[in-house]
Amino acid sequence: MVILTNMNGSPLPTALMYRTFDAHLKAPPKDWSAEIARNTERQTARAREAAQRRLAERATGTKPSLALERYVGTYADSMYGQVKVTNEGGTLRLTMGPLYEGPLEHWHYDTYRANWVQRHRGQSFVTFRLNASARVTGLEIEMGGGAIEFRRVPDGAARTADGAR
């Protein structure tokens, strides 16, 4: 069975799928739309609570450890590919593939909040990792309840998709 819609991000295809399974298996009908709506409300409430906790833990009045140019560069992970950090008019900007791109808002210390251009992607926290010599060695992006770690690619070593330098 394939359910195709042009309703990106909508729970409708999932509700239709479960309803179709129930009908095929002759199971008692269930209001899958209501069930999914209840789950979505619970997840939204948990996300709101987590955001409030995060805000309460924020250390206000801090500055980045380094000048913004020192964070600029390419970072890589073997599974997720490359992340590019640029400085555009005094604002750091992060690009991760075609789907995640946006400005980085200073949160505290070396942590920033990514405000994704595609608003439905929400926000993510990005923390830069520094070594004992105050050099940026990597960054961590918190997404989907987990964190993805990227290591800094030495200047001049970044490759394009076709392998060229």
N, C-alpha and C. Protein backbone atom coordinates (compact mmCIF):
# COMPACT_ATOMS: atom_id res chain seq x y z
N MET A 1 0.85 -1.16 0.00
CA MET A 1 0.00 0.00 0.00
C MET A 1 0.90 1.23 0.00
N VAL A 2 0.51 2.20 -0.78
CA VAL A 2 1.21 3.47 -0.85
C VAL A 2 0.18 4.58 -0.71
N ILE A 3 0.45 5.52 0.19
CA ILE A 3 -0.42 6.67 0.34
C ILE A 3 0.40 7.89 -0.03
N LEU A 4 -0.04 8.59 -1.06
CA LEU A 4 0.66 9.78 -1.52
C LEU A 4 -0.20 11.01 -1.27
N THR A 5 0.39 12.03 -0.70
CA THR A 5 -0.32 13.30 -0.50
C THR A 5 0.65 14.43 -0.78
N ASN A 6 0.12 15.62 -0.90
CA ASN A 6 0.97 16.80 -1.01
C ASN A 6 0.84 17.61 0.29
N MET A 7 0.73 16.91 1.40
CA MET A 7 0.52 17.53 2.71
C MET A 7 1.74 17.30 3.59
N ASN A 8 2.88 17.86 3.18
CA ASN A 8 4.13 17.68 3.92
C ASN A 8 3.97 18.06 5.39
N GLY A 9 4.33 17.14 6.27
CA GLY A 9 4.25 17.40 7.70
C GLY A 9 2.90 17.10 8.32
N SER A 10 1.94 16.71 7.52
CA SER A 10 0.61 16.43 8.04
C SER A 10 0.54 14.99 8.54
N PRO A 11 -0.20 14.75 9.63
CA PRO A 11 -0.38 13.38 10.11
C PRO A 11 -1.46 12.60 9.35
N LEU A 12 -2.12 13.25 8.38
CA LEU A 12 -3.20 12.60 7.65
C LEU A 12 -2.78 11.28 6.99
N PRO A 13 -1.63 11.21 6.30
CA PRO A 13 -1.27 9.92 5.69
C PRO A 13 -1.14 8.79 6.71
N THR A 14 -0.63 9.09 7.89
CA THR A 14 -0.50 8.05 8.92
C THR A 14 -1.88 7.59 9.39
N ALA A 15 -2.78 8.53 9.63
CA ALA A 15 -4.13 8.16 10.06
C ALA A 15 -4.82 7.33 8.99
N LEU A 16 -4.67 7.72 7.73
CA LEU A 16 -5.27 6.94 6.63
C LEU A 16 -4.68 5.53 6.55
N MET A 17 -3.37 5.43 6.74
CA MET A 17 -2.72 4.12 6.68
C MET A 17 -3.28 3.19 7.77
N TYR A 18 -3.33 3.69 9.02
CA TYR A 18 -3.84 2.85 10.11
C TYR A 18 -5.31 2.50 9.91
N ARG A 19 -6.10 3.44 9.42
CA ARG A 19 -7.52 3.17 9.18
C ARG A 19 -7.67 2.10 8.09
N THR A 20 -6.84 2.17 7.06
CA THR A 20 -6.88 1.18 5.98
C THR A 20 -6.47 -0.20 6.51
N PHE A 21 -5.44 -0.25 7.34
CA PHE A 21 -5.03 -1.52 7.96
C PHE A 21 -6.18 -2.11 8.77
N ASP A 22 -6.82 -1.27 9.58
CA ASP A 22 -7.94 -1.74 10.40
C ASP A 22 -9.04 -2.34 9.52
N ALA A 23 -9.38 -1.65 8.42
CA ALA A 23 -10.43 -2.15 7.53
C ALA A 23 -10.01 -3.46 6.89
N HIS A 24 -8.78 -3.55 6.45
CA HIS A 24 -8.29 -4.77 5.79
C HIS A 24 -8.26 -5.95 6.76
N LEU A 25 -7.88 -5.68 8.01
CA LEU A 25 -7.80 -6.75 9.01
C LEU A 25 -9.12 -6.97 9.73
N LYS A 26 -10.15 -6.23 9.34
CA LYS A 26 -11.47 -6.33 9.95
C LYS A 26 -11.41 -6.06 11.46
N ALA A 27 -10.56 -5.14 11.85
CA ALA A 27 -10.44 -4.73 13.25
C ALA A 27 -11.52 -3.70 13.54
N PRO A 28 -11.87 -3.57 14.81
CA PRO A 28 -12.87 -2.53 15.14
C PRO A 28 -12.33 -1.15 14.74
N PRO A 29 -13.17 -0.31 14.19
CA PRO A 29 -12.69 1.01 13.78
C PRO A 29 -12.19 1.81 14.98
N LYS A 30 -11.15 2.57 14.73
CA LYS A 30 -10.56 3.41 15.76
C LYS A 30 -10.38 4.81 15.18
N ASP A 31 -10.57 5.84 15.99
CA ASP A 31 -10.40 7.21 15.53
C ASP A 31 -8.92 7.57 15.59
N TRP A 32 -8.19 7.22 14.50
CA TRP A 32 -6.75 7.44 14.47
C TRP A 32 -6.41 8.93 14.44
N SER A 33 -7.27 9.74 13.85
CA SER A 33 -7.01 11.18 13.83
C SER A 33 -6.99 11.73 15.25
N ALA A 34 -7.94 11.33 16.08
CA ALA A 34 -7.98 11.80 17.47
C ALA A 34 -6.78 11.28 18.25
N GLU A 35 -6.41 10.02 18.01
CA GLU A 35 -5.25 9.43 18.70
C GLU A 35 -3.97 10.18 18.35
N ILE A 36 -3.78 10.45 17.08
CA ILE A 36 -2.59 11.18 16.64
C ILE A 36 -2.62 12.60 17.18
N ALA A 37 -3.79 13.24 17.21
CA ALA A 37 -3.90 14.60 17.75
C ALA A 37 -3.52 14.63 19.24
N ARG A 38 -3.97 13.63 20.01
CA ARG A 38 -3.61 13.56 21.44
C ARG A 38 -2.09 13.40 21.60
N ASN A 39 -1.50 12.52 20.81
CA ASN A 39 -0.04 12.33 20.88
C ASN A 39 0.70 13.61 20.51
N THR A 40 0.23 14.30 19.48
CA THR A 40 0.85 15.55 19.06
C THR A 40 0.76 16.60 20.16
N GLU A 41 -0.40 16.69 20.82
CA GLU A 41 -0.57 17.65 21.92
C GLU A 41 0.38 17.34 23.06
N ARG A 42 0.55 16.06 23.39
CA ARG A 42 1.48 15.67 24.46
C ARG A 42 2.91 16.03 24.09
N GLN A 43 3.30 15.75 22.86
CA GLN A 43 4.66 16.08 22.41
C GLN A 43 4.88 17.58 22.40
N THR A 44 3.89 18.35 22.00
CA THR A 44 4.01 19.80 21.99
C THR A 44 4.17 20.33 23.41
N ALA A 45 3.41 19.79 24.34
CA ALA A 45 3.52 20.22 25.75
C ALA A 45 4.90 19.89 26.30
N ARG A 46 5.41 18.69 26.00
CA ARG A 46 6.77 18.31 26.47
C ARG A 46 7.83 19.22 25.86
N ALA A 47 7.68 19.55 24.58
CA ALA A 47 8.64 20.44 23.92
C ALA A 47 8.59 21.84 24.54
N ARG A 48 7.40 22.31 24.87
CA ARG A 48 7.25 23.63 25.50
C ARG A 48 7.92 23.64 26.87
N GLU A 49 7.73 22.58 27.65
CA GLU A 49 8.35 22.46 28.98
C GLU A 49 9.87 22.41 28.85
N ALA A 50 10.37 21.66 27.88
CA ALA A 50 11.82 21.57 27.68
C ALA A 50 12.40 22.93 27.30
N ALA A 51 11.69 23.67 26.46
CA ALA A 51 12.15 25.00 26.06
C ALA A 51 12.18 25.95 27.25
N GLN A 52 11.19 25.84 28.14
CA GLN A 52 11.17 26.69 29.34
C GLN A 52 12.33 26.33 30.27
N ARG A 53 12.61 25.03 30.41
CA ARG A 53 13.76 24.62 31.24
C ARG A 53 15.06 25.14 30.64
N ARG A 54 15.18 25.04 29.33
CA ARG A 54 16.40 25.50 28.64
C ARG A 54 16.59 27.00 28.85
N LEU A 55 15.51 27.74 28.76
CA LEU A 55 15.57 29.18 28.95
C LEU A 55 15.99 29.51 30.39
N ALA A 56 15.48 28.77 31.36
CA ALA A 56 15.84 28.99 32.76
C ALA A 56 17.31 28.69 33.02
N GLU A 57 17.88 27.77 32.25
CA GLU A 57 19.29 27.38 32.42
C GLU A 57 20.25 28.28 31.67
N ARG A 58 19.73 29.18 30.87
CA ARG A 58 20.57 30.05 30.04
C ARG A 58 21.40 30.99 30.91
N ALA A 59 22.68 31.06 30.62
CA ALA A 59 23.57 31.98 31.32
C ALA A 59 23.56 33.30 30.56
N THR A 60 22.88 34.30 31.11
CA THR A 60 22.76 35.58 30.41
C THR A 60 24.02 36.42 30.60
N GLY A 61 24.20 37.35 29.69
CA GLY A 61 25.32 38.28 29.79
C GLY A 61 26.67 37.70 29.38
N THR A 62 26.68 36.58 28.70
CA THR A 62 27.94 35.98 28.28
C THR A 62 28.24 36.37 26.83
N LYS A 63 29.48 36.12 26.43
CA LYS A 63 29.92 36.38 25.06
C LYS A 63 30.59 35.12 24.53
N PRO A 64 30.70 35.00 23.21
CA PRO A 64 31.47 33.89 22.65
C PRO A 64 32.92 33.98 23.12
N SER A 65 33.57 32.84 23.23
CA SER A 65 34.98 32.80 23.66
C SER A 65 35.92 33.42 22.64
N LEU A 66 35.54 33.36 21.37
CA LEU A 66 36.43 33.78 20.28
C LEU A 66 35.74 34.80 19.38
N ALA A 67 36.52 35.45 18.56
CA ALA A 67 35.96 36.31 17.51
C ALA A 67 35.18 35.42 16.54
N LEU A 68 34.11 35.95 15.98
CA LEU A 68 33.23 35.14 15.12
C LEU A 68 33.98 34.46 13.99
N GLU A 69 34.96 35.11 13.38
CA GLU A 69 35.71 34.52 12.27
C GLU A 69 36.37 33.20 12.65
N ARG A 70 36.67 33.01 13.92
CA ARG A 70 37.34 31.79 14.36
C ARG A 70 36.41 30.58 14.32
N TYR A 71 35.11 30.79 14.29
CA TYR A 71 34.14 29.69 14.22
C TYR A 71 33.83 29.31 12.77
N VAL A 72 34.15 30.20 11.84
CA VAL A 72 33.86 29.99 10.42
C VAL A 72 34.68 28.82 9.90
N GLY A 73 34.03 27.94 9.14
CA GLY A 73 34.74 26.82 8.54
C GLY A 73 33.80 25.71 8.13
N THR A 74 34.40 24.61 7.74
CA THR A 74 33.65 23.42 7.34
C THR A 74 33.86 22.35 8.40
N TYR A 75 32.78 21.68 8.73
CA TYR A 75 32.78 20.62 9.75
C TYR A 75 32.17 19.39 9.09
N ALA A 76 32.62 18.20 9.50
CA ALA A 76 32.15 16.99 8.82
C ALA A 76 31.86 15.86 9.80
N ASP A 77 30.93 15.03 9.38
CA ASP A 77 30.58 13.79 10.08
C ASP A 77 30.45 12.72 9.01
N SER A 78 30.92 11.50 9.31
CA SER A 78 30.92 10.44 8.30
C SER A 78 29.51 10.04 7.86
N MET A 79 28.52 10.25 8.71
CA MET A 79 27.15 9.89 8.34
C MET A 79 26.36 11.06 7.78
N TYR A 80 26.51 12.22 8.38
CA TYR A 80 25.68 13.37 8.02
C TYR A 80 26.32 14.31 7.02
N GLY A 81 27.56 14.09 6.67
CA GLY A 81 28.21 14.93 5.67
C GLY A 81 28.78 16.20 6.26
N GLN A 82 28.75 17.26 5.46
CA GLN A 82 29.41 18.50 5.85
C GLN A 82 28.42 19.56 6.32
N VAL A 83 28.92 20.38 7.24
CA VAL A 83 28.23 21.57 7.73
C VAL A 83 29.16 22.73 7.46
N LYS A 84 28.61 23.81 6.95
CA LYS A 84 29.43 25.00 6.71
C LYS A 84 28.92 26.12 7.61
N VAL A 85 29.88 26.80 8.24
CA VAL A 85 29.58 27.97 9.06
C VAL A 85 30.24 29.17 8.40
N THR A 86 29.44 30.20 8.14
CA THR A 86 29.94 31.42 7.52
C THR A 86 29.63 32.61 8.43
N ASN A 87 30.29 33.72 8.17
CA ASN A 87 30.03 34.96 8.88
C ASN A 87 29.46 35.94 7.86
N GLU A 88 28.19 36.27 8.02
CA GLU A 88 27.54 37.18 7.08
C GLU A 88 27.15 38.45 7.83
N GLY A 89 27.96 39.47 7.68
CA GLY A 89 27.67 40.75 8.29
C GLY A 89 27.63 40.72 9.80
N GLY A 90 28.50 39.92 10.41
CA GLY A 90 28.56 39.85 11.87
C GLY A 90 27.61 38.84 12.48
N THR A 91 26.97 38.01 11.66
CA THR A 91 26.09 36.95 12.13
C THR A 91 26.58 35.63 11.57
N LEU A 92 26.80 34.66 12.45
CA LEU A 92 27.17 33.33 11.98
C LEU A 92 25.95 32.69 11.33
N ARG A 93 26.21 31.92 10.27
CA ARG A 93 25.15 31.24 9.54
C ARG A 93 25.60 29.80 9.30
N LEU A 94 24.72 28.85 9.53
CA LEU A 94 25.04 27.44 9.38
C LEU A 94 24.24 26.85 8.23
N THR A 95 24.90 26.04 7.40
CA THR A 95 24.24 25.33 6.31
C THR A 95 24.59 23.86 6.42
N MET A 96 23.56 23.01 6.48
CA MET A 96 23.74 21.56 6.53
C MET A 96 22.84 20.96 5.46
N GLY A 97 23.45 20.67 4.32
CA GLY A 97 22.68 20.13 3.20
C GLY A 97 21.66 21.13 2.70
N PRO A 98 20.71 20.65 1.90
CA PRO A 98 19.73 21.58 1.34
C PRO A 98 18.57 21.91 2.28
N LEU A 99 18.43 21.17 3.38
CA LEU A 99 17.25 21.34 4.22
C LEU A 99 17.45 22.18 5.47
N TYR A 100 18.68 22.30 5.94
CA TYR A 100 18.92 23.04 7.18
C TYR A 100 19.88 24.19 6.90
N GLU A 101 19.35 25.39 7.00
CA GLU A 101 20.15 26.58 6.75
C GLU A 101 19.53 27.71 7.54
N GLY A 102 20.39 28.47 8.23
CA GLY A 102 19.85 29.61 8.96
C GLY A 102 20.89 30.29 9.82
N PRO A 103 20.51 31.47 10.34
CA PRO A 103 21.41 32.22 11.19
C PRO A 103 21.57 31.57 12.56
N LEU A 104 22.73 31.82 13.17
CA LEU A 104 23.00 31.34 14.53
C LEU A 104 22.90 32.52 15.49
N GLU A 105 22.02 32.42 16.44
CA GLU A 105 21.81 33.46 17.45
C GLU A 105 22.60 33.06 18.69
N HIS A 106 23.46 33.96 19.18
CA HIS A 106 24.25 33.62 20.37
C HIS A 106 23.32 33.32 21.53
N TRP A 107 23.53 32.16 22.17
CA TRP A 107 22.71 31.73 23.31
C TRP A 107 23.47 32.01 24.61
N HIS A 108 24.58 31.34 24.77
CA HIS A 108 25.52 31.64 25.86
C HIS A 108 26.84 30.92 25.58
N TYR A 109 27.93 31.54 26.07
CA TYR A 109 29.29 31.02 25.87
C TYR A 109 29.51 30.66 24.41
N ASP A 110 29.78 29.39 24.09
CA ASP A 110 30.02 28.98 22.71
C ASP A 110 28.85 28.19 22.14
N THR A 111 27.68 28.44 22.68
CA THR A 111 26.45 27.80 22.22
C THR A 111 25.58 28.83 21.52
N TYR A 112 25.02 28.43 20.39
CA TYR A 112 24.16 29.27 19.58
C TYR A 112 22.85 28.53 19.33
N ARG A 113 21.82 29.31 19.01
CA ARG A 113 20.55 28.71 18.61
C ARG A 113 20.39 28.93 17.12
N ALA A 114 20.24 27.82 16.38
CA ALA A 114 20.02 27.90 14.94
C ALA A 114 18.54 28.13 14.70
N ASN A 115 18.24 29.20 14.00
CA ASN A 115 16.86 29.52 13.63
C ASN A 115 16.70 29.18 12.15
N TRP A 116 16.24 27.97 11.87
CA TRP A 116 16.20 27.47 10.51
C TRP A 116 15.28 28.32 9.63
N VAL A 117 15.73 28.58 8.40
CA VAL A 117 14.95 29.37 7.45
C VAL A 117 13.61 28.68 7.19
N GLN A 118 13.63 27.36 7.03
CA GLN A 118 12.38 26.62 6.88
C GLN A 118 11.80 26.45 8.28
N ARG A 119 10.89 27.36 8.62
CA ARG A 119 10.41 27.49 10.00
C ARG A 119 9.84 26.20 10.58
N HIS A 120 9.27 25.34 9.76
CA HIS A 120 8.70 24.10 10.30
C HIS A 120 9.79 23.18 10.85
N ARG A 121 11.04 23.45 10.55
CA ARG A 121 12.14 22.66 11.11
C ARG A 121 12.48 23.10 12.53
N GLY A 122 11.91 24.22 12.95
CA GLY A 122 12.10 24.67 14.33
C GLY A 122 13.47 25.30 14.56
N GLN A 123 14.00 25.02 15.74
CA GLN A 123 15.29 25.56 16.13
C GLN A 123 16.15 24.42 16.67
N SER A 124 17.45 24.61 16.63
CA SER A 124 18.39 23.63 17.17
C SER A 124 19.49 24.38 17.89
N PHE A 125 20.10 23.72 18.86
CA PHE A 125 21.24 24.32 19.55
C PHE A 125 22.53 23.79 18.96
N VAL A 126 23.47 24.70 18.75
CA VAL A 126 24.77 24.38 18.16
C VAL A 126 25.83 24.83 19.16
N THR A 127 26.67 23.88 19.59
CA THR A 127 27.74 24.21 20.53
C THR A 127 29.08 23.93 19.87
N PHE A 128 29.93 24.93 19.86
CA PHE A 128 31.27 24.78 19.30
C PHE A 128 32.20 24.21 20.35
N ARG A 129 33.08 23.29 19.94
CA ARG A 129 34.06 22.65 20.83
C ARG A 129 35.43 23.28 20.61
N LEU A 130 36.07 23.68 21.70
CA LEU A 130 37.39 24.29 21.64
C LEU A 130 38.40 23.40 22.34
N ASN A 131 39.64 23.42 21.84
CA ASN A 131 40.71 22.66 22.52
C ASN A 131 41.44 23.60 23.49
N ALA A 132 42.48 23.08 24.13
CA ALA A 132 43.23 23.85 25.13
C ALA A 132 43.95 25.04 24.52
N SER A 133 44.14 25.04 23.20
CA SER A 133 44.79 26.17 22.51
C SER A 133 43.78 27.18 21.98
N ALA A 134 42.54 27.07 22.42
CA ALA A 134 41.45 27.96 21.99
C ALA A 134 41.23 27.89 20.48
N ARG A 135 41.36 26.69 19.93
CA ARG A 135 41.04 26.47 18.51
C ARG A 135 39.75 25.66 18.44
N VAL A 136 38.90 26.02 17.52
CA VAL A 136 37.64 25.30 17.34
C VAL A 136 37.94 23.96 16.68
N THR A 137 37.59 22.87 17.34
CA THR A 137 37.86 21.53 16.82
C THR A 137 36.62 20.84 16.28
N GLY A 138 35.45 21.37 16.60
CA GLY A 138 34.23 20.74 16.14
C GLY A 138 33.01 21.49 16.63
N LEU A 139 31.88 20.94 16.28
CA LEU A 139 30.62 21.48 16.78
C LEU A 139 29.63 20.34 16.97
N GLU A 140 28.64 20.60 17.79
CA GLU A 140 27.60 19.62 18.08
C GLU A 140 26.26 20.29 17.81
N ILE A 141 25.40 19.60 17.07
CA ILE A 141 24.06 20.12 16.78
C ILE A 141 23.05 19.21 17.48
N GLU A 142 22.23 19.80 18.34
CA GLU A 142 21.17 19.05 19.01
C GLU A 142 19.95 19.04 18.10
N MET A 143 19.55 17.83 17.70
CA MET A 143 18.39 17.68 16.81
C MET A 143 17.64 16.42 17.15
N GLY A 144 16.33 16.53 17.19
CA GLY A 144 15.49 15.35 17.37
C GLY A 144 15.78 14.57 18.64
N GLY A 145 16.09 15.23 19.71
CA GLY A 145 16.33 14.55 20.98
C GLY A 145 17.73 13.99 21.13
N GLY A 146 18.56 14.16 20.12
CA GLY A 146 19.94 13.67 20.18
C GLY A 146 20.90 14.74 19.71
N ALA A 147 22.15 14.38 19.66
CA ALA A 147 23.17 15.34 19.22
C ALA A 147 24.03 14.70 18.14
N ILE A 148 24.40 15.51 17.16
CA ILE A 148 25.27 15.09 16.08
C ILE A 148 26.58 15.86 16.23
N GLU A 149 27.69 15.14 16.27
CA GLU A 149 28.99 15.78 16.42
C GLU A 149 29.71 15.85 15.08
N PHE A 150 30.20 17.03 14.77
CA PHE A 150 30.96 17.27 13.55
C PHE A 150 32.35 17.72 13.93
N ARG A 151 33.35 17.19 13.24
CA ARG A 151 34.75 17.59 13.47
C ARG A 151 35.13 18.64 12.43
N ARG A 152 35.95 19.57 12.85
CA ARG A 152 36.38 20.62 11.93
C ARG A 152 37.28 20.04 10.84
N VAL A 153 37.03 20.45 9.61
CA VAL A 153 37.84 20.06 8.47
C VAL A 153 38.95 21.09 8.35
N PRO A 154 40.21 20.65 8.28
CA PRO A 154 41.31 21.63 8.14
C PRO A 154 41.09 22.53 6.93
N ASP A 155 41.45 23.80 7.06
CA ASP A 155 41.29 24.75 5.96
C ASP A 155 41.94 24.19 4.70
N GLY A 156 41.24 24.32 3.57
CA GLY A 156 41.77 23.85 2.30
C GLY A 156 41.51 22.38 2.04
N ALA A 157 40.98 21.65 3.03
CA ALA A 157 40.76 20.22 2.86
C ALA A 157 39.32 19.87 2.53
N ALA A 158 38.43 20.85 2.54
CA ALA A 158 37.02 20.57 2.24
C ALA A 158 36.88 20.16 0.78
N ARG A 159 36.03 19.19 0.53
CA ARG A 159 35.80 18.69 -0.82
C ARG A 159 34.38 18.98 -1.25
N THR A 160 34.20 19.13 -2.53
CA THR A 160 32.85 19.29 -3.07
C THR A 160 32.25 17.90 -3.24
N ALA A 161 30.98 17.86 -3.64
CA ALA A 161 30.29 16.57 -3.79
C ALA A 161 30.97 15.66 -4.81
N ASP A 162 31.62 16.25 -5.85
CA ASP A 162 32.25 15.42 -6.86
C ASP A 162 33.71 15.07 -6.51
N GLY A 163 34.14 15.45 -5.29
CA GLY A 163 35.48 15.08 -4.84
C GLY A 163 36.55 16.11 -5.11
N ALA A 164 36.21 17.19 -5.83
CA ALA A 164 37.21 18.22 -6.11
C ALA A 164 37.47 19.05 -4.86
N ARG A 165 38.66 19.62 -4.78
CA ARG A 165 38.99 20.49 -3.64
C ARG A 165 38.63 21.92 -3.94
